[in-house]
Amino acid sequence: MIGTIVGLVVGFIVTRNIFGALAFAALGFFFYDRKRIAPVKITCEQLQVSQALFFKTVFNLLGHIAKADGHISEDEVKLTETYMDKMGLTQEHKREAIRLFREGASTDFSLQACLMAYRELGSRSPNLSQMLLVYLTNLAMVDGVLHNREVEILRQVADSAGFSRTAFEQLLKMIGAQNSFARNQQNNDLTLAYEALGVTAETSDADIKKAYRKLMSQYHPDKLIGQGFPEDMIKTATERAQDIQAAYDRIKKARG
């Protein structure tokens, strides 16, 4: 609402009365704020193109990062197959995912060309880029170690998607904590719960709730699908949201 506020102030200075100030505020809203808050309409055709591009980018980069340490391990293959099973891909889509994975793992695959093709979609849909990094980070962490080459690739993806270095490091930490918390919920590890939300034990209740709501918004299925997230991949986003909910519930319980 910057335009409205600026218009209100300028209008009062110029006219010296509340009606003039309101008139300028209306102009500020019309010419500045309205354009910024107006929803971006996307056609069905554009949505299908976005979904296809995201699908291709995910499996190309999964193959590329799996090969980053020189070879593709059995665990990495199993994790990728698990992704496919969780997504409920049709046999046709599963064959395409495997083809794209192999394409990304090939020696002539161009990471920069892949990122360049995805850049426009990522710039207008940051939630998709976050999900992309979740997929890649999970695969990179499957052996319990993030190798330097894997981190380098993840950082290039994050840079291309517009993540700052600090935001990237924070995201890596949060993904690791969310995964650990999901695997060890019976232990009720409060420290992991805080890290899963990107907060600490010293963070106020209000800021913890704000962090929780932001994360839940980022993983909201309807929002993701509306930005170009393939519908048969949405289960993984839903599971991520459930892990975040569980971490938040653990914190609330600890704080009474």
C-alpha atoms as a PDB file:
ATOM      1  CA  MET A   1       0.000   0.000   0.000  1.00  0.00           C
ATOM      2  CA  ILE A   2       2.966   2.313  -0.535  1.00  0.00           C
ATOM      3  CA  GLY A   3       1.219   4.281  -3.293  1.00  0.00           C
ATOM      4  CA  THR A   4      -1.840   4.914  -1.116  1.00  0.00           C
ATOM      5  CA  ILE A   5       0.255   6.126   1.830  1.00  0.00           C
ATOM      6  CA  VAL A   6       2.469   8.376  -0.292  1.00  0.00           C
ATOM      7  CA  GLY A   7      -0.602   9.773  -2.042  1.00  0.00           C
ATOM      8  CA  LEU A   8      -2.257  10.489   1.294  1.00  0.00           C
ATOM      9  CA  VAL A   9       0.776  12.383   2.613  1.00  0.00           C
ATOM     10  CA  VAL A  10       1.377  14.324  -0.602  1.00  0.00           C
ATOM     11  CA  GLY A  11      -2.313  15.132  -0.923  1.00  0.00           C
ATOM     12  CA  PHE A  12      -2.487  16.553   2.570  1.00  0.00           C
ATOM     13  CA  ILE A  13       0.638  18.662   1.998  1.00  0.00           C
ATOM     14  CA  VAL A  14      -0.691  20.019  -1.306  1.00  0.00           C
ATOM     15  CA  THR A  15      -4.359  20.580  -0.445  1.00  0.00           C
ATOM     16  CA  ARG A  16      -4.215  20.969   3.330  1.00  0.00           C
ATOM     17  CA  ASN A  17      -7.523  19.141   3.770  1.00  0.00           C
ATOM     18  CA  ILE A  18      -8.599  15.553   4.319  1.00  0.00           C
ATOM     19  CA  PHE A  19     -10.687  15.328   1.124  1.00  0.00           C
ATOM     20  CA  GLY A  20      -7.749  16.337  -1.034  1.00  0.00           C
ATOM     21  CA  ALA A  21      -5.544  13.868   0.814  1.00  0.00           C
ATOM     22  CA  LEU A  22      -8.041  11.058   0.183  1.00  0.00           C
ATOM     23  CA  ALA A  23      -8.237  11.981  -3.504  1.00  0.00           C
ATOM     24  CA  PHE A  24      -4.450  11.740  -3.840  1.00  0.00           C
ATOM     25  CA  ALA A  25      -4.488   8.471  -1.877  1.00  0.00           C
ATOM     26  CA  ALA A  26      -6.991   7.051  -4.364  1.00  0.00           C
ATOM     27  CA  LEU A  27      -4.715   8.056  -7.237  1.00  0.00           C
ATOM     28  CA  GLY A  28      -1.753   6.410  -5.518  1.00  0.00           C
ATOM     29  CA  PHE A  29      -3.723   3.187  -5.149  1.00  0.00           C
ATOM     30  CA  PHE A  30      -4.977   3.248  -8.735  1.00  0.00           C
ATOM     31  CA  PHE A  31      -1.654   3.970 -10.423  1.00  0.00           C
ATOM     32  CA  TYR A  32       0.712   2.016  -8.113  1.00  0.00           C
ATOM     33  CA  ASP A  33      -0.798  -0.355  -5.548  1.00  0.00           C
ATOM     34  CA  ARG A  34      -3.528  -1.799  -7.758  1.00  0.00           C
ATOM     35  CA  LYS A  35      -0.991  -2.963 -10.333  1.00  0.00           C
ATOM     36  CA  ARG A  36       1.179  -4.573  -7.665  1.00  0.00           C
ATOM     37  CA  ILE A  37      -1.589  -6.532  -5.969  1.00  0.00           C
ATOM     38  CA  ALA A  38      -3.562  -7.513  -9.059  1.00  0.00           C
ATOM     39  CA  PRO A  39      -3.444 -11.308  -9.472  1.00  0.00           C
ATOM     40  CA  VAL A  40      -1.485 -12.649 -12.422  1.00  0.00           C
ATOM     41  CA  LYS A  41      -3.793 -14.589 -14.698  1.00  0.00           C
ATOM     42  CA  ILE A  42      -2.422 -17.721 -16.300  1.00  0.00           C
ATOM     43  CA  THR A  43      -4.121 -19.640 -19.090  1.00  0.00           C
ATOM     44  CA  CYS A  44      -4.542 -23.414 -19.117  1.00  0.00           C
ATOM     45  CA  GLU A  45      -1.999 -23.626 -21.920  1.00  0.00           C
ATOM     46  CA  GLN A  46       0.549 -21.570 -19.942  1.00  0.00           C
ATOM     47  CA  LEU A  47      -0.088 -23.750 -16.889  1.00  0.00           C
ATOM     48  CA  GLN A  48       0.580 -26.921 -18.881  1.00  0.00           C
ATOM     49  CA  VAL A  49       3.799 -25.460 -20.275  1.00  0.00           C
ATOM     50  CA  SER A  50       4.919 -24.485 -16.752  1.00  0.00           C
ATOM     51  CA  GLN A  51       4.118 -27.950 -15.407  1.00  0.00           C
ATOM     52  CA  ALA A  52       6.058 -29.637 -18.206  1.00  0.00           C
ATOM     53  CA  LEU A  53       9.051 -27.343 -17.684  1.00  0.00           C
ATOM     54  CA  PHE A  54       9.092 -27.901 -13.924  1.00  0.00           C
ATOM     55  CA  PHE A  55       8.821 -31.684 -14.415  1.00  0.00           C
ATOM     56  CA  LYS A  56      11.713 -31.658 -16.888  1.00  0.00           C
ATOM     57  CA  THR A  57      13.860 -29.435 -14.657  1.00  0.00           C
ATOM     58  CA  VAL A  58      13.290 -31.587 -11.571  1.00  0.00           C
ATOM     59  CA  PHE A  59      14.286 -34.882 -13.163  1.00  0.00           C
ATOM     60  CA  ASN A  60      17.121 -33.448 -15.264  1.00  0.00           C
ATOM     61  CA  LEU A  61      18.660 -31.925 -12.142  1.00  0.00           C
ATOM     62  CA  LEU A  62      17.985 -35.005 -10.022  1.00  0.00           C
ATOM     63  CA  GLY A  63      20.020 -37.007 -12.532  1.00  0.00           C
ATOM     64  CA  HIS A  64      22.741 -34.348 -12.655  1.00  0.00           C
ATOM     65  CA  ILE A  65      23.145 -34.072  -8.903  1.00  0.00           C
ATOM     66  CA  ALA A  66      23.036 -37.860  -8.479  1.00  0.00           C
ATOM     67  CA  LYS A  67      26.078 -38.053 -10.771  1.00  0.00           C
ATOM     68  CA  ALA A  68      27.829 -35.122  -9.059  1.00  0.00           C
ATOM     69  CA  ASP A  69      30.086 -37.290  -6.894  1.00  0.00           C
ATOM     70  CA  GLY A  70      31.171 -39.386  -9.884  1.00  0.00           C
ATOM     71  CA  HIS A  71      28.663 -42.223  -9.743  1.00  0.00           C
ATOM     72  CA  ILE A  72      24.973 -42.861  -9.071  1.00  0.00           C
ATOM     73  CA  SER A  73      24.492 -44.946  -5.917  1.00  0.00           C
ATOM     74  CA  GLU A  74      21.762 -47.509  -5.328  1.00  0.00           C
ATOM     75  CA  ASP A  75      20.323 -45.273  -2.598  1.00  0.00           C
ATOM     76  CA  GLU A  76      20.008 -42.378  -5.032  1.00  0.00           C
ATOM     77  CA  VAL A  77      18.276 -44.599  -7.587  1.00  0.00           C
ATOM     78  CA  LYS A  78      15.901 -45.914  -4.911  1.00  0.00           C
ATOM     79  CA  LEU A  79      15.106 -42.409  -3.664  1.00  0.00           C
ATOM     80  CA  THR A  80      14.276 -41.258  -7.182  1.00  0.00           C
ATOM     81  CA  GLU A  81      12.074 -44.315  -7.706  1.00  0.00           C
ATOM     82  CA  THR A  82      10.402 -43.593  -4.362  1.00  0.00           C
ATOM     83  CA  TYR A  83       9.658 -40.045  -5.544  1.00  0.00           C
ATOM     84  CA  MET A  84       8.036 -41.473  -8.652  1.00  0.00           C
ATOM     85  CA  ASP A  85       5.951 -43.924  -6.629  1.00  0.00           C
ATOM     86  CA  LYS A  86       4.824 -41.206  -4.212  1.00  0.00           C
ATOM     87  CA  MET A  87       3.847 -38.967  -7.086  1.00  0.00           C
ATOM     88  CA  GLY A  88       1.613 -41.650  -8.532  1.00  0.00           C
ATOM     89  CA  LEU A  89       3.036 -41.103 -11.995  1.00  0.00           C
ATOM     90  CA  THR A  90       1.417 -42.881 -14.885  1.00  0.00           C
ATOM     91  CA  GLN A  91       3.610 -45.420 -16.634  1.00  0.00           C
ATOM     92  CA  GLU A  92       4.090 -42.940 -19.471  1.00  0.00           C
ATOM     93  CA  HIS A  93       5.175 -40.176 -17.081  1.00  0.00           C
ATOM     94  CA  LYS A  94       7.408 -42.573 -15.185  1.00  0.00           C
ATOM     95  CA  ARG A  95       9.196 -43.546 -18.397  1.00  0.00           C
ATOM     96  CA  GLU A  96       9.621 -39.857 -19.230  1.00  0.00           C
ATOM     97  CA  ALA A  97      10.969 -39.130 -15.723  1.00  0.00           C
ATOM     98  CA  ILE A  98      13.542 -41.925 -16.090  1.00  0.00           C
ATOM     99  CA  ARG A  99      14.558 -40.587 -19.515  1.00  0.00           C
ATOM    100  CA  LEU A 100      14.999 -37.071 -18.115  1.00  0.00           C
ATOM    101  CA  PHE A 101      16.959 -38.422 -15.130  1.00  0.00           C
ATOM    102  CA  ARG A 102      19.368 -40.222 -17.470  1.00  0.00           C
ATOM    103  CA  GLU A 103      19.616 -37.114 -19.642  1.00  0.00           C
ATOM    104  CA  GLY A 104      20.657 -35.070 -16.600  1.00  0.00           C
ATOM    105  CA  ALA A 105      23.231 -37.690 -15.616  1.00  0.00           C
ATOM    106  CA  SER A 106      24.844 -37.774 -19.052  1.00  0.00           C
ATOM    107  CA  THR A 107      28.268 -36.221 -19.618  1.00  0.00           C
ATOM    108  CA  ASP A 108      26.990 -33.774 -22.243  1.00  0.00           C
ATOM    109  CA  PHE A 109      24.229 -32.336 -20.023  1.00  0.00           C
ATOM    110  CA  SER A 110      24.440 -28.541 -19.688  1.00  0.00           C
ATOM    111  CA  LEU A 111      23.509 -27.299 -16.222  1.00  0.00           C
ATOM    112  CA  GLN A 112      23.581 -23.662 -17.345  1.00  0.00           C
ATOM    113  CA  ALA A 113      21.253 -24.320 -20.294  1.00  0.00           C
ATOM    114  CA  CYS A 114      18.828 -26.115 -17.980  1.00  0.00           C
ATOM    115  CA  LEU A 115      18.853 -23.262 -15.454  1.00  0.00           C
ATOM    116  CA  MET A 116      18.482 -20.665 -18.199  1.00  0.00           C
ATOM    117  CA  ALA A 117      15.389 -22.434 -19.557  1.00  0.00           C
ATOM    118  CA  TYR A 118      13.857 -22.563 -16.054  1.00  0.00           C
ATOM    119  CA  ARG A 119      14.836 -19.047 -14.938  1.00  0.00           C
ATOM    120  CA  GLU A 120      11.719 -17.179 -16.052  1.00  0.00           C
ATOM    121  CA  LEU A 121       9.377 -19.681 -14.401  1.00  0.00           C
ATOM    122  CA  GLY A 122      11.434 -19.643 -11.208  1.00  0.00           C
ATOM    123  CA  SER A 123      11.540 -15.848 -11.059  1.00  0.00           C
ATOM    124  CA  ARG A 124       7.765 -15.530 -11.099  1.00  0.00           C
ATOM    125  CA  SER A 125       7.094 -18.605  -8.934  1.00  0.00           C
ATOM    126  CA  PRO A 126       9.575 -18.673  -6.004  1.00  0.00           C
ATOM    127  CA  ASN A 127       7.570 -21.397  -4.242  1.00  0.00           C
ATOM    128  CA  LEU A 128       8.297 -23.731  -7.160  1.00  0.00           C
ATOM    129  CA  SER A 129      12.010 -22.990  -6.836  1.00  0.00           C
ATOM    130  CA  GLN A 130      11.844 -23.833  -3.146  1.00  0.00           C
ATOM    131  CA  MET A 131      10.220 -27.182  -3.955  1.00  0.00           C
ATOM    132  CA  LEU A 132      12.870 -27.788  -6.633  1.00  0.00           C
ATOM    133  CA  LEU A 133      15.603 -27.246  -4.037  1.00  0.00           C
ATOM    134  CA  VAL A 134      13.786 -29.548  -1.597  1.00  0.00           C
ATOM    135  CA  TYR A 135      13.833 -32.371  -4.169  1.00  0.00           C
ATOM    136  CA  LEU A 136      17.496 -31.845  -5.033  1.00  0.00           C
ATOM    137  CA  THR A 137      18.646 -31.454  -1.435  1.00  0.00           C
ATOM    138  CA  ASN A 138      16.842 -34.620  -0.349  1.00  0.00           C
ATOM    139  CA  LEU A 139      18.616 -36.575  -3.054  1.00  0.00           C
ATOM    140  CA  ALA A 140      21.987 -35.017  -2.224  1.00  0.00           C
ATOM    141  CA  MET A 141      21.534 -35.868   1.471  1.00  0.00           C
ATOM    142  CA  VAL A 142      20.442 -39.475   0.902  1.00  0.00           C
ATOM    143  CA  ASP A 143      23.889 -40.835   1.791  1.00  0.00           C
ATOM    144  CA  GLY A 144      24.069 -38.634   4.893  1.00  0.00           C
ATOM    145  CA  VAL A 145      26.746 -36.362   3.420  1.00  0.00           C
ATOM    146  CA  LEU A 146      26.559 -33.237   1.277  1.00  0.00           C
ATOM    147  CA  HIS A 147      29.575 -33.443  -1.023  1.00  0.00           C
ATOM    148  CA  ASN A 148      31.240 -30.244  -2.178  1.00  0.00           C
ATOM    149  CA  ARG A 149      30.201 -30.776  -5.788  1.00  0.00           C
ATOM    150  CA  GLU A 150      26.593 -31.365  -4.710  1.00  0.00           C
ATOM    151  CA  VAL A 151      26.589 -28.163  -2.664  1.00  0.00           C
ATOM    152  CA  GLU A 152      28.075 -26.302  -5.625  1.00  0.00           C
ATOM    153  CA  ILE A 153      25.245 -27.475  -7.904  1.00  0.00           C
ATOM    154  CA  LEU A 154      22.592 -26.653  -5.303  1.00  0.00           C
ATOM    155  CA  ARG A 155      24.089 -23.195  -4.894  1.00  0.00           C
ATOM    156  CA  GLN A 156      24.017 -22.594  -8.654  1.00  0.00           C
ATOM    157  CA  VAL A 157      20.357 -23.600  -8.772  1.00  0.00           C
ATOM    158  CA  ALA A 158      19.581 -21.317  -5.819  1.00  0.00           C
ATOM    159  CA  ASP A 159      21.511 -18.407  -7.351  1.00  0.00           C
ATOM    160  CA  SER A 160      19.697 -18.820 -10.660  1.00  0.00           C
ATOM    161  CA  ALA A 161      16.345 -18.878  -8.830  1.00  0.00           C
ATOM    162  CA  GLY A 162      17.165 -15.632  -7.008  1.00  0.00           C
ATOM    163  CA  PHE A 163      17.970 -16.989  -3.539  1.00  0.00           C
ATOM    164  CA  SER A 164      20.556 -15.004  -1.587  1.00  0.00           C
ATOM    165  CA  ARG A 165      23.504 -16.882  -0.096  1.00  0.00           C
ATOM    166  CA  THR A 166      22.009 -16.475   3.392  1.00  0.00           C
ATOM    167  CA  ALA A 167      18.575 -17.686   2.260  1.00  0.00           C
ATOM    168  CA  PHE A 168      20.179 -20.702   0.579  1.00  0.00           C
ATOM    169  CA  GLU A 169      22.147 -21.690   3.691  1.00  0.00           C
ATOM    170  CA  GLN A 170      19.022 -21.251   5.815  1.00  0.00           C
ATOM    171  CA  LEU A 171      16.991 -23.399   3.443  1.00  0.00           C
ATOM    172  CA  LEU A 172      19.560 -26.208   3.505  1.00  0.00           C
ATOM    173  CA  LYS A 173      19.502 -26.194   7.306  1.00  0.00           C
ATOM    174  CA  MET A 174      15.707 -26.185   7.417  1.00  0.00           C
ATOM    175  CA  ILE A 175      15.350 -29.040   4.934  1.00  0.00           C
ATOM    176  CA  GLY A 176      17.828 -31.155   6.885  1.00  0.00           C
ATOM    177  CA  ALA A 177      16.009 -30.433  10.162  1.00  0.00           C
ATOM    178  CA  GLN A 178      12.589 -31.126   8.628  1.00  0.00           C
ATOM    179  CA  ASN A 179      13.815 -34.482   7.317  1.00  0.00           C
ATOM    180  CA  SER A 180      15.387 -35.411  10.655  1.00  0.00           C
ATOM    181  CA  PHE A 181      12.327 -34.334  12.616  1.00  0.00           C
ATOM    182  CA  ALA A 182      10.040 -36.349  10.315  1.00  0.00           C
ATOM    183  CA  ARG A 183      12.170 -39.476  10.835  1.00  0.00           C
ATOM    184  CA  ASN A 184      12.397 -39.031  14.608  1.00  0.00           C
ATOM    185  CA  GLN A 185       9.040 -37.579  15.649  1.00  0.00           C
ATOM    186  CA  GLN A 186       8.705 -40.149  18.420  1.00  0.00           C
ATOM    187  CA  ASN A 187      11.772 -38.636  20.078  1.00  0.00           C
ATOM    188  CA  ASN A 188      10.075 -35.215  20.101  1.00  0.00           C
ATOM    189  CA  ASP A 189      13.369 -33.404  19.500  1.00  0.00           C
ATOM    190  CA  LEU A 190      12.527 -29.793  20.311  1.00  0.00           C
ATOM    191  CA  THR A 191      15.775 -28.438  18.847  1.00  0.00           C
ATOM    192  CA  LEU A 192      14.992 -30.032  15.485  1.00  0.00           C
ATOM    193  CA  ALA A 193      11.454 -28.654  15.653  1.00  0.00           C
ATOM    194  CA  TYR A 194      12.808 -25.119  15.987  1.00  0.00           C
ATOM    195  CA  GLU A 195      15.313 -25.646  13.168  1.00  0.00           C
ATOM    196  CA  ALA A 196      12.586 -27.122  10.930  1.00  0.00           C
ATOM    197  CA  LEU A 197      10.799 -23.758  11.099  1.00  0.00           C
ATOM    198  CA  GLY A 198      14.003 -21.739  10.732  1.00  0.00           C
ATOM    199  CA  VAL A 199      13.706 -20.279  14.252  1.00  0.00           C
ATOM    200  CA  THR A 200      15.400 -20.742  17.631  1.00  0.00           C
ATOM    201  CA  ALA A 201      14.345 -21.236  21.234  1.00  0.00           C
ATOM    202  CA  GLU A 202      14.847 -17.494  21.742  1.00  0.00           C
ATOM    203  CA  THR A 203      12.370 -16.547  18.978  1.00  0.00           C
ATOM    204  CA  SER A 204       9.131 -14.977  20.226  1.00  0.00           C
ATOM    205  CA  ASP A 205       5.793 -16.791  19.941  1.00  0.00           C
ATOM    206  CA  ALA A 206       4.579 -14.205  17.415  1.00  0.00           C
ATOM    207  CA  ASP A 207       7.625 -14.641  15.154  1.00  0.00           C
ATOM    208  CA  ILE A 208       7.400 -18.430  15.374  1.00  0.00           C
ATOM    209  CA  LYS A 209       3.777 -18.278  14.258  1.00  0.00           C
ATOM    210  CA  LYS A 210       4.788 -15.936  11.425  1.00  0.00           C
ATOM    211  CA  ALA A 211       7.520 -18.350  10.266  1.00  0.00           C
ATOM    212  CA  TYR A 212       5.106 -21.275  10.469  1.00  0.00           C
ATOM    213  CA  ARG A 213       2.423 -19.497   8.436  1.00  0.00           C
ATOM    214  CA  LYS A 214       4.952 -18.435   5.797  1.00  0.00           C
ATOM    215  CA  LEU A 215       6.166 -22.013   5.347  1.00  0.00           C
ATOM    216  CA  MET A 216       2.644 -23.410   5.200  1.00  0.00           C
ATOM    217  CA  SER A 217       1.789 -20.828   2.541  1.00  0.00           C
ATOM    218  CA  GLN A 218       4.855 -21.813   0.501  1.00  0.00           C
ATOM    219  CA  TYR A 219       3.824 -25.480   0.521  1.00  0.00           C
ATOM    220  CA  HIS A 220       0.090 -24.871   0.012  1.00  0.00           C
ATOM    221  CA  PRO A 221      -1.040 -27.356  -2.696  1.00  0.00           C
ATOM    222  CA  ASP A 222      -3.474 -24.998  -4.468  1.00  0.00           C
ATOM    223  CA  LYS A 223      -0.908 -22.191  -4.658  1.00  0.00           C
ATOM    224  CA  LEU A 224       1.759 -24.513  -6.012  1.00  0.00           C
ATOM    225  CA  ILE A 225      -0.512 -26.010  -8.655  1.00  0.00           C
ATOM    226  CA  GLY A 226      -1.619 -22.523  -9.683  1.00  0.00           C
ATOM    227  CA  GLN A 227       2.028 -21.590 -10.280  1.00  0.00           C
ATOM    228  CA  GLY A 228       2.804 -24.610 -12.438  1.00  0.00           C
ATOM    229  CA  PHE A 229       3.465 -27.462  -9.999  1.00  0.00           C
ATOM    230  CA  PRO A 230       2.431 -30.775 -11.622  1.00  0.00           C
ATOM    231  CA  GLU A 231      -0.631 -32.211  -9.896  1.00  0.00           C
ATOM    232  CA  ASP A 232       0.804 -35.721  -9.704  1.00  0.00           C
ATOM    233  CA  MET A 233       3.778 -34.373  -7.716  1.00  0.00           C
ATOM    234  CA  ILE A 234       1.729 -32.539  -5.102  1.00  0.00           C
ATOM    235  CA  LYS A 235       1.834 -35.328  -2.515  1.00  0.00           C
ATOM    236  CA  THR A 236       5.455 -34.525  -1.690  1.00  0.00           C
ATOM    237  CA  ALA A 237       4.545 -30.890  -0.962  1.00  0.00           C
ATOM    238  CA  THR A 238       1.654 -32.036   1.233  1.00  0.00           C
ATOM    239  CA  GLU A 239       3.975 -34.316   3.211  1.00  0.00           C
ATOM    240  CA  ARG A 240       6.423 -31.449   3.683  1.00  0.00           C
ATOM    241  CA  ALA A 241       3.581 -29.284   5.036  1.00  0.00           C
ATOM    242  CA  GLN A 242       2.614 -32.088   7.439  1.00  0.00           C
ATOM    243  CA  ASP A 243       6.190 -32.238   8.768  1.00  0.00           C
ATOM    244  CA  ILE A 244       6.154 -28.474   9.330  1.00  0.00           C
ATOM    245  CA  GLN A 245       2.790 -28.741  11.104  1.00  0.00           C
ATOM    246  CA  ALA A 246       4.153 -31.469  13.374  1.00  0.00           C
ATOM    247  CA  ALA A 247       7.211 -29.354  14.254  1.00  0.00           C
ATOM    248  CA  TYR A 248       5.011 -26.349  15.044  1.00  0.00           C
ATOM    249  CA  ASP A 249       2.724 -28.484  17.218  1.00  0.00           C
ATOM    250  CA  ARG A 250       5.775 -29.763  19.121  1.00  0.00           C
ATOM    251  CA  ILE A 251       6.923 -26.183  19.798  1.00  0.00           C
ATOM    252  CA  LYS A 252       3.449 -25.096  20.902  1.00  0.00           C
ATOM    253  CA  LYS A 253       3.228 -28.034  23.276  1.00  0.00           C
ATOM    254  CA  ALA A 254       6.626 -27.192  24.786  1.00  0.00           C
ATOM    255  CA  ARG A 255       5.617 -23.546  25.265  1.00  0.00           C
ATOM    256  CA  GLY A 256       2.278 -24.391  26.790  1.00  0.00           C
END
